[in-house]
Amino acid sequence: SRWEGMPNAVLEAMAAGCPVVATRVEGTEDLLGGDERGWLVAADDPEALAVALGEALGSSEVREARASRARAHVVEH
C-alpha cells in the first residue's frame, strides 16, 4: 500500500510469528523497525518486492529470525 495508519494485517502476522514483506510506509515501518523484523520495500517498486520475496523465501534461517523478532516485539509492546 501507499499509506497505512496501523496496519492490522501486518500486526496480526507479526503476532502469529509469520514473516512479513510490506511497503515502506509510516505504519509498517514503525512496526517492522526497518528490516529488523521483516522486509520493507518502496511502494510502486515491483522489482524491490520481487527481491524481498526472494530473500524471504530463500533462507529459512533469516525468515524465522525476523519473524521471531517480530513476534517478540508484538508481545513486548
C-alpha atoms as a PDB file:
ATOM      1  CA  SER A   1       0.000   0.000   0.000  1.00  0.00           C
ATOM      2  CA  ARG A   2       0.989   3.641  -0.241  1.00  0.00           C
ATOM      3  CA  TRP A   3      -0.273   4.629   3.227  1.00  0.00           C
ATOM      4  CA  GLU A   4      -1.077   2.848   6.463  1.00  0.00           C
ATOM      5  CA  GLY A   5      -2.164   4.122   9.847  1.00  0.00           C
ATOM      6  CA  MET A   6      -1.897   0.967  11.958  1.00  0.00           C
ATOM      7  CA  PRO A   7      -1.742  -1.948   9.525  1.00  0.00           C
ATOM      8  CA  ASN A   8      -3.738  -4.667  11.281  1.00  0.00           C
ATOM      9  CA  ALA A   9      -2.771  -7.393   8.805  1.00  0.00           C
ATOM     10  CA  VAL A  10       0.919  -6.699   9.478  1.00  0.00           C
ATOM     11  CA  LEU A  11       0.373  -6.617  13.231  1.00  0.00           C
ATOM     12  CA  GLU A  12      -1.621  -9.869  13.159  1.00  0.00           C
ATOM     13  CA  ALA A  13       1.010 -11.604  11.028  1.00  0.00           C
ATOM     14  CA  MET A  14       3.733 -10.462  13.412  1.00  0.00           C
ATOM     15  CA  ALA A  15       1.750 -11.713  16.431  1.00  0.00           C
ATOM     16  CA  ALA A  16       1.313 -15.081  14.720  1.00  0.00           C
ATOM     17  CA  GLY A  17       5.051 -15.337  14.029  1.00  0.00           C
ATOM     18  CA  CYS A  18       4.616 -15.096  10.270  1.00  0.00           C
ATOM     19  CA  PRO A  19       7.223 -13.365   8.112  1.00  0.00           C
ATOM     20  CA  VAL A  20       6.102 -10.023   6.663  1.00  0.00           C
ATOM     21  CA  VAL A  21       7.006  -8.339   3.382  1.00  0.00           C
ATOM     22  CA  ALA A  22       5.396  -4.895   3.178  1.00  0.00           C
ATOM     23  CA  THR A  23       5.777  -1.445   1.698  1.00  0.00           C
ATOM     24  CA  ARG A  24       7.971   1.100   3.469  1.00  0.00           C
ATOM     25  CA  VAL A  25       5.275   3.474   4.665  1.00  0.00           C
ATOM     26  CA  GLU A  26       4.687   5.096   8.030  1.00  0.00           C
ATOM     27  CA  GLY A  27       2.660   2.373   9.777  1.00  0.00           C
ATOM     28  CA  THR A  28       4.575  -0.658   8.535  1.00  0.00           C
ATOM     29  CA  GLU A  29       7.973   0.914   9.020  1.00  0.00           C
ATOM     30  CA  ASP A  30       7.105   1.673  12.650  1.00  0.00           C
ATOM     31  CA  LEU A  31       6.046  -1.931  13.291  1.00  0.00           C
ATOM     32  CA  LEU A  32       8.801  -3.712  11.394  1.00  0.00           C
ATOM     33  CA  GLY A  33      11.640  -1.465  12.578  1.00  0.00           C
ATOM     34  CA  GLY A  34      13.298  -1.065   9.216  1.00  0.00           C
ATOM     35  CA  ASP A  35      14.290  -4.539   8.014  1.00  0.00           C
ATOM     36  CA  GLU A  36      14.884  -5.856  11.532  1.00  0.00           C
ATOM     37  CA  ARG A  37      11.562  -7.692  11.879  1.00  0.00           C
ATOM     38  CA  GLY A  38      10.539  -8.179   8.242  1.00  0.00           C
ATOM     39  CA  TRP A  39      11.179  -6.881   4.750  1.00  0.00           C
ATOM     40  CA  LEU A  40      10.256  -3.386   3.646  1.00  0.00           C
ATOM     41  CA  VAL A  41      10.171  -2.200   0.053  1.00  0.00           C
ATOM     42  CA  ALA A  42       9.282   1.088  -1.572  1.00  0.00           C
ATOM     43  CA  ALA A  43       5.700   1.456  -2.739  1.00  0.00           C
ATOM     44  CA  ASP A  44       5.288   1.020  -6.507  1.00  0.00           C
ATOM     45  CA  ASP A  45       8.591  -0.856  -6.853  1.00  0.00           C
ATOM     46  CA  PRO A  46       7.773  -4.341  -8.138  1.00  0.00           C
ATOM     47  CA  GLU A  47      11.441  -5.225  -8.636  1.00  0.00           C
ATOM     48  CA  ALA A  48      12.216  -4.499  -4.965  1.00  0.00           C
ATOM     49  CA  LEU A  49       9.158  -6.516  -3.965  1.00  0.00           C
ATOM     50  CA  ALA A  50      10.402  -9.471  -6.021  1.00  0.00           C
ATOM     51  CA  VAL A  51      13.835  -9.255  -4.382  1.00  0.00           C
ATOM     52  CA  ALA A  52      12.352  -9.086  -0.877  1.00  0.00           C
ATOM     53  CA  LEU A  53      10.046 -12.034  -1.552  1.00  0.00           C
ATOM     54  CA  GLY A  54      13.010 -13.984  -2.926  1.00  0.00           C
ATOM     55  CA  GLU A  55      15.013 -13.233   0.215  1.00  0.00           C
ATOM     56  CA  ALA A  56      12.120 -14.196   2.466  1.00  0.00           C
ATOM     57  CA  LEU A  57      11.602 -17.477   0.625  1.00  0.00           C
ATOM     58  CA  GLY A  58      15.288 -18.169   0.093  1.00  0.00           C
ATOM     59  CA  SER A  59      16.540 -18.535   3.646  1.00  0.00           C
ATOM     60  CA  SER A  60      14.511 -20.231   6.337  1.00  0.00           C
ATOM     61  CA  GLU A  61      17.010 -19.091   8.980  1.00  0.00           C
ATOM     62  CA  VAL A  62      16.685 -15.399   8.088  1.00  0.00           C
ATOM     63  CA  ARG A  63      12.922 -15.712   7.642  1.00  0.00           C
ATOM     64  CA  GLU A  64      12.449 -17.419  11.010  1.00  0.00           C
ATOM     65  CA  ALA A  65      14.774 -14.974  12.810  1.00  0.00           C
ATOM     66  CA  ARG A  66      12.913 -11.923  11.530  1.00  0.00           C
ATOM     67  CA  ALA A  67       9.519 -13.488  12.245  1.00  0.00           C
ATOM     68  CA  SER A  68      10.662 -14.385  15.766  1.00  0.00           C
ATOM     69  CA  ARG A  69      11.872 -10.824  16.417  1.00  0.00           C
ATOM     70  CA  ALA A  70       8.571  -9.521  15.055  1.00  0.00           C
ATOM     71  CA  ARG A  71       6.542 -11.739  17.382  1.00  0.00           C
ATOM     72  CA  ALA A  72       8.684 -10.785  20.366  1.00  0.00           C
ATOM     73  CA  HIS A  73       8.167  -7.104  19.535  1.00  0.00           C
ATOM     74  CA  VAL A  74       4.377  -7.512  19.493  1.00  0.00           C
ATOM     75  CA  VAL A  75       4.396  -9.440  22.764  1.00  0.00           C
ATOM     76  CA  GLU A  76       6.641  -6.858  24.428  1.00  0.00           C
ATOM     77  CA  HIS A  77       4.724  -3.809  23.210  1.00  0.00           C
END
